Protein backbone atom coordinates (compact mmCIF):
# COMPACT_ATOMS: atom_id res chain seq x y z
CA UNK A 1 -154.00 120.34 78.54
CA UNK A 2 -157.29 122.13 77.98
CA UNK A 3 -159.61 123.33 79.34
CA UNK A 4 -162.93 124.14 78.59
CA UNK A 5 -162.91 126.89 78.36
CA UNK A 6 -167.86 130.78 76.85
CA UNK A 7 -165.07 131.27 77.72
CA UNK A 8 -163.89 129.76 80.79
CA UNK A 9 -161.43 127.45 82.00
CA UNK A 10 -163.43 124.79 80.29
CA UNK A 11 -162.56 123.32 76.84
CA UNK A 12 -164.28 125.21 74.15
CA UNK A 13 -167.10 123.77 72.30
CA UNK A 14 -166.38 122.81 68.79
CA UNK A 15 -168.66 121.02 66.56
CA UNK A 16 -168.05 117.56 65.40
CA UNK A 17 -165.40 117.09 62.94
CA UNK A 18 -167.50 116.53 59.97
CA UNK A 19 -164.54 116.90 57.60
CA UNK A 20 -162.18 114.91 59.77
CA UNK A 21 -161.05 112.29 57.35
CA UNK A 22 -157.39 112.38 58.00
CA UNK A 23 -156.96 112.92 60.66
CA UNK A 24 -186.20 134.80 62.83
CA UNK A 25 -187.69 134.35 66.48
CA UNK A 26 -191.23 133.13 66.60
CA UNK A 27 -193.88 135.26 68.38
CA UNK A 28 -195.85 133.71 71.18
CA UNK A 29 -199.65 133.42 70.51
CA UNK A 30 -200.68 134.61 73.90
CA UNK A 31 -199.55 138.19 73.56
CA UNK A 32 -200.91 140.53 76.36
CA UNK A 33 -202.43 143.61 74.42
CA UNK A 34 -202.49 145.51 77.69
CA UNK A 35 -198.67 145.52 77.54
CA UNK A 36 -198.33 147.15 74.27
CA UNK A 37 -197.18 150.83 74.56
CA UNK A 38 -199.86 153.48 73.78
CA UNK A 39 -198.99 155.76 70.96
CA UNK A 40 -200.71 159.02 70.34
CA UNK A 41 -200.77 160.37 66.80
CA UNK A 42 -201.30 164.16 66.61
CA UNK A 43 -201.74 166.27 63.32
CA UNK A 44 -199.47 169.20 63.13
CA UNK A 45 -200.18 172.59 61.49
CA UNK A 46 -199.62 173.06 57.81
CA UNK A 47 -196.16 174.68 56.78
CA UNK A 48 -196.09 178.38 55.94
CA UNK A 49 -196.32 179.43 52.30
CA UNK A 50 -192.62 179.74 51.52
CA UNK A 51 -191.90 176.06 52.41
CA UNK A 52 -194.69 174.90 50.20
CA UNK A 53 -192.34 173.31 47.56
CA UNK A 54 -190.42 171.53 50.24
CA UNK A 55 -193.84 170.44 51.80
CA UNK A 56 -194.91 169.07 48.47
CA UNK A 57 -191.60 166.83 48.33
CA UNK A 58 -191.86 165.79 52.01
CA UNK A 59 -195.60 164.81 51.64
CA UNK A 60 -194.40 161.73 49.62
CA UNK A 61 -193.05 160.39 52.93
CA UNK A 62 -195.84 158.93 55.07
CA UNK A 63 -194.58 160.02 58.24
CA UNK A 64 -194.55 163.86 57.16
CA UNK A 65 -196.93 166.04 59.12
CA UNK A 66 -197.26 163.37 61.97
CA UNK A 67 -196.02 163.70 65.35
CA UNK A 68 -195.53 160.54 67.45
CA UNK A 69 -195.30 160.44 71.21
CA UNK A 70 -194.69 157.46 73.35
CA UNK A 71 -196.50 157.62 76.70
CA UNK A 72 -194.10 155.19 78.36
CA UNK A 73 -190.89 156.63 79.97
CA UNK A 74 -187.61 155.85 78.03
CA UNK A 75 -185.37 153.10 79.19
CA UNK A 76 -181.75 153.63 79.14
CA UNK A 77 -179.39 150.70 78.48
CA UNK A 78 -175.76 151.06 79.68
CA UNK A 79 -173.61 149.14 77.40
CA UNK A 80 -170.39 147.25 78.52
CA UNK A 81 -170.37 148.61 82.09
CA UNK A 82 -167.94 146.84 84.24
CA UNK A 83 -169.63 144.75 86.80
CA UNK A 84 -169.00 145.16 90.62
CA UNK A 85 -167.18 141.73 90.75
CA UNK A 86 -164.90 142.66 87.83
CA UNK A 87 -163.95 145.94 89.54
CA UNK A 88 -163.12 143.98 92.76
CA UNK A 89 -161.33 141.54 90.82
CA UNK A 90 -158.85 143.97 89.15
CA UNK A 91 -158.45 145.83 92.33
CA UNK A 92 -157.29 142.61 93.92
CA UNK A 93 -155.09 141.94 91.07
CA UNK A 94 -153.35 145.49 91.40
CA UNK A 95 -152.95 144.77 95.14
CA UNK A 96 -151.05 141.35 94.54
CA UNK A 97 -149.08 142.72 91.80
CA UNK A 98 -147.85 145.72 93.96
CA UNK A 99 -148.23 148.59 91.50
CA UNK A 100 -146.05 147.00 88.93
CA UNK A 101 -148.58 147.00 86.00
CA UNK A 102 -149.68 143.67 84.95
CA UNK A 103 -146.20 142.15 84.79
CA UNK A 104 -146.21 138.51 86.04
CA UNK A 105 -142.52 138.04 85.86
CA UNK A 106 -141.66 138.92 89.41
CA UNK A 107 -144.39 136.62 90.79
CA UNK A 108 -142.71 133.41 89.41
CA UNK A 109 -139.82 134.23 91.60
CA UNK A 110 -141.64 135.79 94.65
CA UNK A 111 -141.23 134.04 97.83
CA UNK A 112 -144.63 134.96 98.91
CA UNK A 113 -146.30 132.58 96.42
CA UNK A 114 -146.38 128.80 96.76
CA UNK A 115 -145.19 126.42 94.18
CA UNK A 116 -147.69 123.89 93.04
CA UNK A 117 -145.34 122.34 90.48
CA UNK A 118 -141.60 121.62 91.02
CA UNK A 119 -140.81 123.86 88.07
CA UNK A 120 -142.21 126.92 89.63
CA UNK A 121 -144.42 127.38 86.45
CA UNK A 122 -147.63 127.01 88.26
CA UNK A 123 -147.97 129.04 91.63
CA UNK A 124 -150.61 129.90 94.17
CA UNK A 125 -151.26 132.67 96.57
CA UNK A 126 -153.97 132.11 99.20
CA UNK A 127 -156.18 135.19 99.81
CA UNK A 128 -158.55 133.43 102.07
CA UNK A 129 -158.03 130.12 103.74
CA UNK A 130 -160.48 127.20 103.38
CA UNK A 131 -161.92 124.71 105.81
CA UNK A 132 -159.09 122.58 106.38
CA UNK A 133 -157.22 119.63 104.99
CA UNK A 134 -160.12 117.17 105.01
CA UNK A 135 -162.07 119.45 102.67
CA UNK A 136 -159.71 119.19 99.71
CA UNK A 137 -161.06 117.66 96.70
CA UNK A 138 -159.99 114.15 95.58
CA UNK A 139 -159.46 112.94 92.16
CA UNK A 140 -162.81 111.83 90.63
CA UNK A 141 -164.93 114.20 92.65
CA UNK A 142 -166.87 116.93 90.95
CA UNK A 143 -165.90 120.63 92.03
CA UNK A 144 -167.64 123.83 91.35
CA UNK A 145 -165.52 127.20 91.25
CA UNK A 146 -165.87 130.92 90.78
CA UNK A 147 -163.26 131.72 88.18
CA UNK A 148 -161.94 134.95 86.50
CA UNK A 149 -158.66 135.17 84.79
CA UNK A 150 -156.49 137.79 82.89
CA UNK A 151 -153.55 137.82 80.47
CA UNK A 152 -150.42 139.72 81.13
CA UNK A 153 -151.86 142.75 79.22
CA UNK A 154 -154.84 143.02 81.63
CA UNK A 155 -157.23 141.32 79.23
CA UNK A 156 -160.03 139.56 80.88
CA UNK A 157 -160.34 136.17 79.15
CA UNK A 158 -161.91 133.80 81.65
CA UNK A 159 -165.14 134.55 83.81
CA UNK A 160 -167.51 131.79 85.03
CA UNK A 161 -169.31 132.13 88.24
CA UNK A 162 -170.10 128.46 88.40
CA UNK A 163 -167.67 126.33 86.54
CA UNK A 164 -168.25 122.64 87.30
CA UNK A 165 -165.80 119.80 86.26
CA UNK A 166 -164.53 116.49 87.50
CA UNK A 167 -161.07 116.31 88.62
CA UNK A 168 -158.71 114.08 86.46
CA UNK A 169 -161.14 113.76 83.58
CA UNK A 170 -159.35 116.23 81.38
CA UNK A 171 -162.15 118.63 81.15
CA UNK A 172 -160.07 121.75 81.93
CA UNK A 173 -156.53 122.98 81.69
CA UNK A 174 -153.79 121.49 83.94
CA UNK A 175 -153.42 124.82 85.77
CA UNK A 176 -156.94 124.46 87.00
CA UNK A 177 -156.72 120.86 87.50
CA UNK A 178 -153.87 120.92 89.51
CA UNK A 179 -154.49 124.33 91.37
CA UNK A 180 -158.03 123.35 92.52
CA UNK A 181 -156.68 120.03 93.68
CA UNK A 182 -154.39 121.86 96.10
CA UNK A 183 -157.38 124.16 97.60
CA UNK A 184 -159.60 123.62 100.41
CA UNK A 185 -163.36 124.16 100.40
CA UNK A 186 -164.20 127.69 100.63
CA UNK A 187 -160.68 128.84 99.87
CA UNK A 188 -160.06 131.90 97.70
CA UNK A 189 -156.66 131.99 95.84
CA UNK A 190 -154.66 133.44 92.94
CA UNK A 191 -153.25 130.70 90.45
CA UNK A 192 -150.41 132.00 88.25
CA UNK A 193 -149.81 129.77 85.29
CA UNK A 194 -147.20 129.63 82.50
CA UNK A 195 -148.47 128.77 79.08
CA UNK A 196 -147.15 125.24 79.69
CA UNK A 197 -150.02 124.46 82.08
CA UNK A 198 -152.60 126.75 80.32
CA UNK A 199 -153.04 126.85 76.50
CA UNK A 200 -149.66 126.26 75.24
CA UNK A 201 -148.12 126.84 71.96
CA UNK A 202 -151.51 126.99 70.27
CA UNK A 203 -153.31 129.31 72.65
CA UNK A 204 -156.96 129.61 72.37
CA UNK A 205 -158.39 131.45 69.48
CA UNK A 206 -159.13 134.37 69.20
CA UNK A 207 -158.39 135.88 72.79
CA UNK A 208 -155.46 133.81 74.35
CA UNK A 209 -152.26 133.90 72.25
CA UNK A 210 -149.39 131.44 71.90
CA UNK A 211 -147.62 130.45 75.24
CA UNK A 212 -149.43 133.07 77.39
CA UNK A 213 -149.38 133.07 81.12
CA UNK A 214 -152.62 133.52 82.92
CA UNK A 215 -153.50 134.81 86.31
CA UNK A 216 -156.49 133.33 87.78
CA UNK A 217 -158.56 134.28 90.92
CA UNK A 218 -160.47 131.16 91.86
CA UNK A 219 -162.72 130.38 94.72
CA UNK A 220 -163.69 126.81 95.47
CA UNK A 221 -167.34 126.71 95.95
CA UNK A 222 -168.56 123.06 96.15
CA UNK A 223 -166.94 119.65 96.35
CA UNK A 224 -169.11 116.59 95.80
CA UNK A 225 -168.95 113.09 94.46
CA UNK A 226 -169.87 113.08 90.62
CA UNK A 227 -173.30 112.13 89.72
CA UNK A 228 -174.07 108.38 89.06
CA UNK A 229 -174.71 107.37 85.64
CA UNK A 230 -177.60 105.39 86.70
CA UNK A 231 -179.34 108.46 88.13
CA UNK A 232 -178.87 110.34 84.77
CA UNK A 233 -181.89 110.99 82.46
CA UNK A 234 -181.44 110.44 78.75
CA UNK A 235 -181.25 114.05 78.00
CA UNK A 236 -178.48 114.46 80.78
CA UNK A 237 -176.54 111.56 79.27
CA UNK A 238 -176.70 113.38 75.80
CA UNK A 239 -175.59 116.56 77.26
CA UNK A 240 -172.81 115.32 79.31
CA UNK A 241 -171.67 112.85 76.54
CA UNK A 242 -171.39 115.81 74.12
CA UNK A 243 -169.36 117.76 76.58
CA UNK A 244 -166.92 114.92 76.73
CA UNK A 245 -166.85 114.54 72.95
CA UNK A 246 -166.07 118.15 72.54
CA UNK A 247 -163.35 117.89 75.11
CA UNK A 248 -161.90 115.17 72.99
CA UNK A 249 -162.10 117.34 69.97
CA UNK A 250 -160.14 119.99 71.46
CA UNK A 251 -157.52 117.72 72.36
CA UNK A 252 -157.53 116.09 68.77
CA UNK A 253 -157.00 119.66 67.26
CA UNK A 254 -154.00 120.09 69.44
CA UNK A 255 -152.64 116.71 68.55
CA UNK A 256 -153.19 115.24 72.05
CA UNK A 257 -154.22 111.98 70.56
CA UNK A 258 -154.14 110.14 73.83
CA UNK A 259 -156.22 112.55 75.86
CA UNK A 260 -158.64 112.78 72.95
CA UNK A 261 -159.10 109.05 73.07
CA UNK A 262 -159.67 109.16 76.81
CA UNK A 263 -162.42 111.76 76.29
CA UNK A 264 -164.12 109.93 73.58
CA UNK A 265 -163.92 106.63 75.76
CA UNK A 266 -165.63 108.72 78.54
CA UNK A 267 -168.32 109.96 76.19
CA UNK A 268 -169.17 106.46 74.93
CA UNK A 269 -169.57 105.11 78.52
CA UNK A 270 -172.03 107.85 79.35
CA UNK A 271 -173.89 107.44 76.13
CA UNK A 272 -174.34 103.85 76.78
CA UNK A 273 -177.77 103.70 78.68
CA UNK A 274 -178.44 100.77 81.11
CA UNK A 275 -180.71 97.93 79.97
CA UNK A 276 -183.26 98.65 82.62
CA UNK A 277 -183.75 102.31 81.31
CA UNK A 278 -186.57 102.46 78.79
CA UNK A 279 -186.14 104.58 76.00
CA UNK A 280 -188.49 106.04 73.23
CA UNK A 281 -187.73 105.56 69.67
CA UNK A 282 -186.54 109.08 69.41
CA UNK A 283 -184.24 108.88 72.17
CA UNK A 284 -182.80 105.56 70.87
CA UNK A 285 -182.18 107.26 67.56
CA UNK A 286 -180.48 110.34 69.37
CA UNK A 287 -178.32 108.25 71.18
CA UNK A 288 -177.33 106.28 68.24
CA UNK A 289 -176.28 109.26 66.28
CA UNK A 290 -174.26 110.54 69.14
CA UNK A 291 -172.50 107.20 69.51
CA UNK A 292 -171.61 107.10 65.99
CA UNK A 293 -169.97 110.67 66.16
CA UNK A 294 -167.93 109.48 69.25
CA UNK A 295 -166.88 106.37 67.65
CA UNK A 296 -165.66 108.02 64.39
CA UNK A 297 -163.69 110.48 66.37
CA UNK A 298 -162.23 107.80 68.59
CA UNK A 299 -161.23 105.71 65.42
CA UNK A 300 -159.50 108.94 64.09
CA UNK A 301 -157.51 109.29 67.22
CA UNK A 302 -156.46 105.64 67.35
CA UNK A 303 -155.59 105.75 63.73
CA UNK A 304 -153.15 108.68 64.59
CA UNK A 305 -151.47 106.64 67.21
CA UNK A 306 -151.43 103.44 64.90
CA UNK A 307 -153.55 101.47 67.17
CA UNK A 308 -154.96 99.40 64.14
CA UNK A 309 -156.97 96.86 66.00
CA UNK A 310 -158.66 99.39 67.98
CA UNK A 311 -159.64 101.27 64.77
CA UNK A 312 -160.99 98.37 63.27
CA UNK A 313 -163.19 97.51 66.33
CA UNK A 314 -164.39 101.25 66.42
CA UNK A 315 -165.14 101.39 62.81
CA UNK A 316 -167.10 97.87 63.06
CA UNK A 317 -169.08 99.39 65.88
CA UNK A 318 -170.24 102.23 63.74
CA UNK A 319 -170.83 100.01 60.85
CA UNK A 320 -173.18 97.88 62.95
CA UNK A 321 -175.28 100.98 63.50
CA UNK A 322 -174.96 102.63 60.02
CA UNK A 323 -173.69 100.31 57.34
CA UNK A 324 -173.26 103.24 54.95
CA UNK A 325 -170.94 105.29 57.20
CA UNK A 326 -168.32 106.66 54.66
CA UNK A 327 -165.94 107.73 57.57
CA UNK A 328 -165.94 104.34 59.19
CA UNK A 329 -165.50 102.66 55.75
CA UNK A 330 -162.64 104.91 54.82
CA UNK A 331 -160.71 104.31 58.13
CA UNK A 332 -161.21 100.56 58.09
CA UNK A 333 -160.13 100.43 54.43
CA UNK A 334 -156.99 102.49 55.19
CA UNK A 335 -156.21 100.12 58.02
CA UNK A 336 -156.51 96.96 55.96
CA UNK A 337 -154.53 98.59 53.21
CA UNK A 338 -151.63 99.22 55.73
CA UNK A 339 -151.91 95.46 56.67
CA UNK A 340 -151.55 94.21 53.34
CA UNK A 341 -155.10 92.96 52.86
CA UNK A 342 -155.55 94.64 49.60
CA UNK A 343 -158.56 92.78 48.23
CA UNK A 344 -160.80 93.53 51.13
CA UNK A 345 -159.32 97.07 51.37
CA UNK A 346 -160.17 97.87 47.81
CA UNK A 347 -163.76 96.68 48.23
CA UNK A 348 -164.22 98.67 51.35
CA UNK A 349 -162.68 102.02 49.87
CA UNK A 350 -164.72 101.63 46.90
CA UNK A 351 -167.85 101.52 48.84
CA UNK A 352 -166.71 104.70 50.79
CA UNK A 353 -166.10 106.32 47.34
CA UNK A 354 -169.49 105.58 46.11
CA UNK A 355 -170.91 107.37 49.09
CA UNK A 356 -168.60 110.21 49.01
CA UNK A 357 -167.38 110.55 45.50
CA UNK A 358 -165.72 114.06 46.06
CA UNK A 359 -163.68 113.18 49.18
CA UNK A 360 -159.98 113.74 48.18
CA UNK A 361 -158.88 111.49 51.16
CA UNK A 362 -160.65 108.43 49.69
CA UNK A 363 -159.37 109.03 46.21
CA UNK A 364 -155.68 109.31 47.79
CA UNK A 365 -155.98 106.10 49.65
CA UNK A 366 -157.38 104.28 46.60
CA UNK A 367 -154.21 105.65 44.61
CA UNK A 368 -151.88 104.32 47.41
CA UNK A 369 -153.59 101.01 47.52
CA UNK A 370 -153.18 100.59 43.72
CA UNK A 371 -149.54 101.42 43.87
CA UNK A 372 -149.15 98.90 46.71
CA UNK A 373 -150.78 96.17 44.52
CA UNK A 374 -148.50 96.85 41.72
CA UNK A 375 -145.48 96.82 43.77
CA UNK A 376 -144.60 100.27 43.03
CA UNK A 377 -142.67 102.45 45.63
CA UNK A 378 -144.60 104.74 47.80
CA UNK A 379 -143.77 108.37 48.17
CA UNK A 380 -141.81 108.38 51.53
CA UNK A 381 -142.34 111.00 54.01
CA UNK A 382 -139.23 112.60 55.84
CA UNK A 383 -138.15 110.72 58.98
CA UNK A 384 -137.90 114.10 60.88
CA UNK A 385 -141.27 114.89 62.43
CA UNK A 386 -142.47 118.19 61.12
CA UNK A 387 -144.47 120.56 63.20
CA UNK A 388 -147.99 120.61 62.77
CA UNK A 389 -149.46 123.03 60.25
CA UNK A 390 -151.19 125.00 63.14
CA UNK A 391 -147.96 125.38 64.95
CA UNK A 392 -146.29 126.81 61.75
CA UNK A 393 -149.03 129.07 60.97
CA UNK A 394 -148.81 130.33 64.41
CA UNK A 395 -145.04 130.94 64.47
CA UNK A 396 -145.23 132.62 60.97
CA UNK A 397 -147.97 134.96 62.22
CA UNK A 398 -146.10 135.80 65.51
CA UNK A 399 -142.51 136.07 64.44
CA UNK A 400 -142.26 137.21 60.85
CA UNK A 401 -139.26 139.47 61.52
CA UNK A 402 -137.29 137.01 63.41
CA UNK A 403 -137.75 134.32 60.81
CA UNK A 404 -136.73 136.72 58.25
CA UNK A 405 -133.52 137.74 60.17
CA UNK A 406 -132.83 133.95 60.69
CA UNK A 407 -132.93 133.62 56.89
CA UNK A 408 -130.54 136.52 56.30
CA UNK A 409 -128.07 135.13 58.82
CA UNK A 410 -128.07 131.63 57.11
CA UNK A 411 -127.60 133.29 53.77
CA UNK A 412 -124.71 135.26 55.00
CA UNK A 413 -123.00 132.35 56.46
CA UNK A 414 -123.46 130.32 53.41
CA UNK A 415 -121.99 133.13 51.31
CA UNK A 416 -118.89 133.11 53.46
CA UNK A 417 -118.50 129.34 53.32
CA UNK A 418 -118.72 129.48 49.54
CA UNK A 419 -116.04 132.09 49.33
CA UNK A 420 -113.79 130.39 51.59
CA UNK A 421 -114.17 127.14 49.56
CA UNK A 422 -113.72 128.92 46.29
CA UNK A 423 -110.39 130.51 47.77
CA UNK A 424 -109.22 127.01 48.82
CA UNK A 425 -110.03 125.50 45.30
CA UNK A 426 -108.05 128.50 43.74
CA UNK A 427 -105.20 127.64 45.84
CA UNK A 428 -105.30 123.95 45.13
CA UNK A 429 -105.49 124.52 41.43
CA UNK A 430 -102.55 126.94 41.59
CA UNK A 431 -100.43 124.33 43.48
CA UNK A 432 -101.32 121.54 40.99
CA UNK A 433 -100.49 123.96 38.04
CA UNK A 434 -96.93 124.73 39.75
CA UNK A 435 -96.27 121.15 40.24
CA UNK A 436 -97.01 120.25 36.59
CA UNK A 437 -94.81 123.01 35.28
């Protein structure tokens, strides 16, 4: 499960899936002239005679013969200096790892750590106790944590001094969901998570590789009830709604379609202002645009799960706000074609094609619909569910040598089987020949 995640335990913030079919600074006017550095320009003495030729060439440069002196003291900027809290964090990591480098292996079996899950793949070590059992956060409450996390090679990949999220709403990876739920207010603890409860097989591009374990240091700073939607301003609704939609996009990319649906539904709830809340025309338009994005992405997730009635409802909701929305038309036409409602599907898909004539997915769906109308057999897909392309690409990048060796082993085995079969056929042929003679 995600998280989101700059990069903290939160889910990253991808842009709307605009192609998800299948599936210079301005200066201020009030510049204070008194703050401009004073520059003194002083003429230098002419160069000696022997340098006259060189001087003649250099005089072509406007700055030649001028000396520029700034009267303000220089400012030194220290680049990439480790901050004090990072130094303290790594010192604490070294203390807890016991001088064994950054290997996490022994921690997963250490009796000094507490199991959060029964499979021992998510563990905790309390550095400072909290304020008691009554201060533990409950599902649905909003928490704020101080978070830092590293990979097993010591790379710092997570740092957020004030990460806020609501428990059980899928805004963060399971390691933080479950880990923070086990903590008390004010508690400081290390959380060690196997990749299963972190970023899984896909990892998080570009800093967290596939199936990577993570070691977090977490401080539970605050526990409170999540804010009431009634009290939110329109701007706050839009911000929060976008965060939920981006969580859904993160899940969708990882093929966690049910979690994606949950996040998109939450976003739509947030982006539904109360009837008593007056909105300007600009606010109404902005809310409408964000709802269309959420509904389109929701329909895409529903389509992946074959929830056809829900897809139709989501697409119809989009088309009520934007009758020429090509994505909604495409998905509605696709579902109608799947149901055998060919005439209506053809009309809707042609309307989508007129709006997006270069979209290959619409062309492909129309071709499929024509074959169905003619009773021609469709190209059947393998019943064996293939791994997602992202998974295949990741595996290819990480294990090229392993895959090559596996191919070699298969080839050798096939050669051996072939040789044995040839030998048996030869013996059989000889036996038949002897019998005939």
